[in-house]
């Protein structure tokens, strides 16, 4: 009985959050997407959104290519304050394109180790 109540309360808390706009570099591999926000270059947000994954496949020319995205949605962290996963729930895709020179300059170096875990 407590679990359904917890799920409903969690859903309401997420629904009550105001959407934010995030700009960053995004890569997708077999439906698993990672977003590296421009304003938080050492943070990786997991993104599971089929529309964004489809848009990525249409725009990426190489595997693991980083694309610039602007998204509107809600950040949802799970786990404890000492660890856990960071997610971004997409509500609207504003832009998906190849990054321009100088865009998100602090993101590129920490991104490549995260992507190297893919075969």
C-alpha atoms as a PDB file:
ATOM      1  CA  UNK A   1       0.000   0.000   0.000  1.00  0.00           C
ATOM      2  CA  UNK A   2       2.858   2.391   0.741  1.00  0.00           C
ATOM      3  CA  UNK A   3       4.605   1.856  -2.611  1.00  0.00           C
ATOM      4  CA  UNK A   4       1.683   3.086  -4.790  1.00  0.00           C
ATOM      5  CA  UNK A   5       1.326   6.106  -2.522  1.00  0.00           C
ATOM      6  CA  UNK A   6       5.045   6.865  -2.870  1.00  0.00           C
ATOM      7  CA  UNK A   7       4.839   6.574  -6.657  1.00  0.00           C
ATOM      8  CA  UNK A   8       1.902   8.988  -6.806  1.00  0.00           C
ATOM      9  CA  UNK A   9       3.611  11.508  -4.529  1.00  0.00           C
ATOM     10  CA  UNK A  10       6.849  11.299  -6.563  1.00  0.00           C
ATOM     11  CA  UNK A  11       4.906  11.819  -9.791  1.00  0.00           C
ATOM     12  CA  UNK A  12       3.152  14.861  -8.362  1.00  0.00           C
ATOM     13  CA  UNK A  13       6.421  16.391  -7.201  1.00  0.00           C
ATOM     14  CA  UNK A  14       7.934  16.018 -10.660  1.00  0.00           C
ATOM     15  CA  UNK A  15       4.775  17.350 -12.312  1.00  0.00           C
ATOM     16  CA  UNK A  16       4.806  20.416 -10.048  1.00  0.00           C
ATOM     17  CA  UNK A  17       8.346  21.383 -11.030  1.00  0.00           C
ATOM     18  CA  UNK A  18       8.668  24.168 -13.514  1.00  0.00           C
ATOM     19  CA  UNK A  19      10.281  23.181 -16.799  1.00  0.00           C
ATOM     20  CA  UNK A  20      13.760  24.501 -17.471  1.00  0.00           C
ATOM     21  CA  UNK A  21      15.638  25.012 -20.712  1.00  0.00           C
ATOM     22  CA  UNK A  22      18.932  23.167 -21.055  1.00  0.00           C
ATOM     23  CA  UNK A  23      21.616  23.679 -23.698  1.00  0.00           C
ATOM     24  CA  UNK A  24      24.287  21.063 -24.097  1.00  0.00           C
ATOM     25  CA  UNK A  25      25.959  18.314 -26.053  1.00  0.00           C
ATOM     26  CA  UNK A  26      24.043  15.081 -26.544  1.00  0.00           C
ATOM     27  CA  UNK A  27      25.020  11.628 -27.746  1.00  0.00           C
ATOM     28  CA  UNK A  28      22.894   8.517 -28.139  1.00  0.00           C
ATOM     29  CA  UNK A  29      23.809   4.850 -28.416  1.00  0.00           C
ATOM     30  CA  UNK A  30      21.106   2.217 -28.920  1.00  0.00           C
ATOM     31  CA  UNK A  31      18.439   4.375 -27.265  1.00  0.00           C
ATOM     32  CA  UNK A  32      20.547   5.381 -24.242  1.00  0.00           C
ATOM     33  CA  UNK A  33      21.149   9.106 -24.370  1.00  0.00           C
ATOM     34  CA  UNK A  34      23.571  11.267 -22.426  1.00  0.00           C
ATOM     35  CA  UNK A  35      23.303  15.021 -22.131  1.00  0.00           C
ATOM     36  CA  UNK A  36      26.245  17.169 -21.017  1.00  0.00           C
ATOM     37  CA  UNK A  37      24.868  20.632 -20.124  1.00  0.00           C
ATOM     38  CA  UNK A  38      26.959  23.618 -21.245  1.00  0.00           C
ATOM     39  CA  UNK A  39      26.609  25.317 -17.866  1.00  0.00           C
ATOM     40  CA  UNK A  40      27.592  22.163 -15.893  1.00  0.00           C
ATOM     41  CA  UNK A  41      30.332  20.507 -17.973  1.00  0.00           C
ATOM     42  CA  UNK A  42      31.145  17.760 -15.455  1.00  0.00           C
ATOM     43  CA  UNK A  43      27.533  16.632 -15.122  1.00  0.00           C
ATOM     44  CA  UNK A  44      26.045  13.886 -17.255  1.00  0.00           C
ATOM     45  CA  UNK A  45      22.258  13.615 -17.428  1.00  0.00           C
ATOM     46  CA  UNK A  46      20.638  10.430 -18.672  1.00  0.00           C
ATOM     47  CA  UNK A  47      17.905  11.059 -21.222  1.00  0.00           C
ATOM     48  CA  UNK A  48      15.404   8.436 -22.359  1.00  0.00           C
ATOM     49  CA  UNK A  49      13.286  10.084 -25.026  1.00  0.00           C
ATOM     50  CA  UNK A  50      12.354   8.331 -28.263  1.00  0.00           C
ATOM     51  CA  UNK A  51      11.703  11.561 -30.206  1.00  0.00           C
ATOM     52  CA  UNK A  52      15.126  12.924 -29.253  1.00  0.00           C
ATOM     53  CA  UNK A  53      16.776   9.588 -30.118  1.00  0.00           C
ATOM     54  CA  UNK A  54      15.097   9.658 -33.552  1.00  0.00           C
ATOM     55  CA  UNK A  55      16.173  13.259 -34.156  1.00  0.00           C
ATOM     56  CA  UNK A  56      19.718  12.305 -33.135  1.00  0.00           C
ATOM     57  CA  UNK A  57      19.809   9.407 -35.623  1.00  0.00           C
ATOM     58  CA  UNK A  58      18.624  11.738 -38.399  1.00  0.00           C
ATOM     59  CA  UNK A  59      21.291  14.371 -37.653  1.00  0.00           C
ATOM     60  CA  UNK A  60      24.347  12.382 -36.526  1.00  0.00           C
ATOM     61  CA  UNK A  61      26.748  11.375 -39.245  1.00  0.00           C
ATOM     62  CA  UNK A  62      29.089   9.250 -37.048  1.00  0.00           C
ATOM     63  CA  UNK A  63      28.626   6.924 -34.068  1.00  0.00           C
ATOM     64  CA  UNK A  64      28.833   8.708 -30.690  1.00  0.00           C
ATOM     65  CA  UNK A  65      28.836  12.090 -32.424  1.00  0.00           C
ATOM     66  CA  UNK A  66      28.091  14.937 -30.065  1.00  0.00           C
ATOM     67  CA  UNK A  67      25.235  17.140 -31.207  1.00  0.00           C
ATOM     68  CA  UNK A  68      24.200  20.477 -29.745  1.00  0.00           C
ATOM     69  CA  UNK A  69      20.685  20.388 -28.292  1.00  0.00           C
ATOM     70  CA  UNK A  70      18.321  22.817 -26.629  1.00  0.00           C
ATOM     71  CA  UNK A  71      15.660  21.054 -24.605  1.00  0.00           C
ATOM     72  CA  UNK A  72      12.848  22.050 -22.292  1.00  0.00           C
ATOM     73  CA  UNK A  73      11.964  19.676 -19.499  1.00  0.00           C
ATOM     74  CA  UNK A  74      12.434  18.678 -15.881  1.00  0.00           C
ATOM     75  CA  UNK A  75      15.557  17.476 -14.130  1.00  0.00           C
ATOM     76  CA  UNK A  76      14.899  14.388 -12.003  1.00  0.00           C
ATOM     77  CA  UNK A  77      17.600  12.983  -9.765  1.00  0.00           C
ATOM     78  CA  UNK A  78      17.258   9.595  -8.131  1.00  0.00           C
ATOM     79  CA  UNK A  79      19.179   7.906  -5.365  1.00  0.00           C
ATOM     80  CA  UNK A  80      20.672   9.364  -2.217  1.00  0.00           C
ATOM     81  CA  UNK A  81      22.476  12.658  -1.699  1.00  0.00           C
ATOM     82  CA  UNK A  82      25.742  10.706  -1.829  1.00  0.00           C
ATOM     83  CA  UNK A  83      25.154   9.097  -5.187  1.00  0.00           C
ATOM     84  CA  UNK A  84      22.537   8.147  -7.669  1.00  0.00           C
ATOM     85  CA  UNK A  85      21.667   8.969 -11.214  1.00  0.00           C
ATOM     86  CA  UNK A  86      20.782  12.249 -12.847  1.00  0.00           C
ATOM     87  CA  UNK A  87      17.992  12.286 -15.416  1.00  0.00           C
ATOM     88  CA  UNK A  88      16.384  14.859 -17.650  1.00  0.00           C
ATOM     89  CA  UNK A  89      12.750  14.340 -18.662  1.00  0.00           C
ATOM     90  CA  UNK A  90      12.251  15.992 -22.050  1.00  0.00           C
ATOM     91  CA  UNK A  91       9.019  17.887 -22.577  1.00  0.00           C
ATOM     92  CA  UNK A  92      10.007  19.751 -25.735  1.00  0.00           C
ATOM     93  CA  UNK A  93      12.869  19.513 -28.236  1.00  0.00           C
ATOM     94  CA  UNK A  94      13.826  23.038 -29.254  1.00  0.00           C
ATOM     95  CA  UNK A  95      16.930  22.401 -31.373  1.00  0.00           C
ATOM     96  CA  UNK A  96      19.201  19.551 -32.530  1.00  0.00           C
ATOM     97  CA  UNK A  97      22.214  20.310 -34.718  1.00  0.00           C
ATOM     98  CA  UNK A  98      25.961  19.978 -35.095  1.00  0.00           C
ATOM     99  CA  UNK A  99      27.812  22.122 -32.557  1.00  0.00           C
ATOM    100  CA  UNK A 100      29.414  25.358 -33.706  1.00  0.00           C
ATOM    101  CA  UNK A 101      33.009  26.295 -32.900  1.00  0.00           C
ATOM    102  CA  UNK A 102      33.332  27.463 -29.309  1.00  0.00           C
ATOM    103  CA  UNK A 103      29.935  26.145 -28.227  1.00  0.00           C
ATOM    104  CA  UNK A 104      30.028  24.460 -24.813  1.00  0.00           C
ATOM    105  CA  UNK A 105      33.838  24.782 -24.615  1.00  0.00           C
ATOM    106  CA  UNK A 106      34.238  23.122 -21.209  1.00  0.00           C
ATOM    107  CA  UNK A 107      32.195  20.051 -22.074  1.00  0.00           C
ATOM    108  CA  UNK A 108      34.310  18.245 -24.660  1.00  0.00           C
ATOM    109  CA  UNK A 109      37.206  16.992 -22.478  1.00  0.00           C
ATOM    110  CA  UNK A 110      35.089  15.200 -19.829  1.00  0.00           C
ATOM    111  CA  UNK A 111      32.684  13.772 -22.414  1.00  0.00           C
ATOM    112  CA  UNK A 112      35.000  11.364 -24.198  1.00  0.00           C
ATOM    113  CA  UNK A 113      35.766   9.145 -21.163  1.00  0.00           C
ATOM    114  CA  UNK A 114      32.021   8.781 -20.527  1.00  0.00           C
ATOM    115  CA  UNK A 115      31.361   7.738 -24.110  1.00  0.00           C
ATOM    116  CA  UNK A 116      34.252   5.278 -24.191  1.00  0.00           C
ATOM    117  CA  UNK A 117      32.234   2.801 -22.118  1.00  0.00           C
ATOM    118  CA  UNK A 118      30.236   1.952 -25.243  1.00  0.00           C
ATOM    119  CA  UNK A 119      31.521  -0.851 -27.481  1.00  0.00           C
END
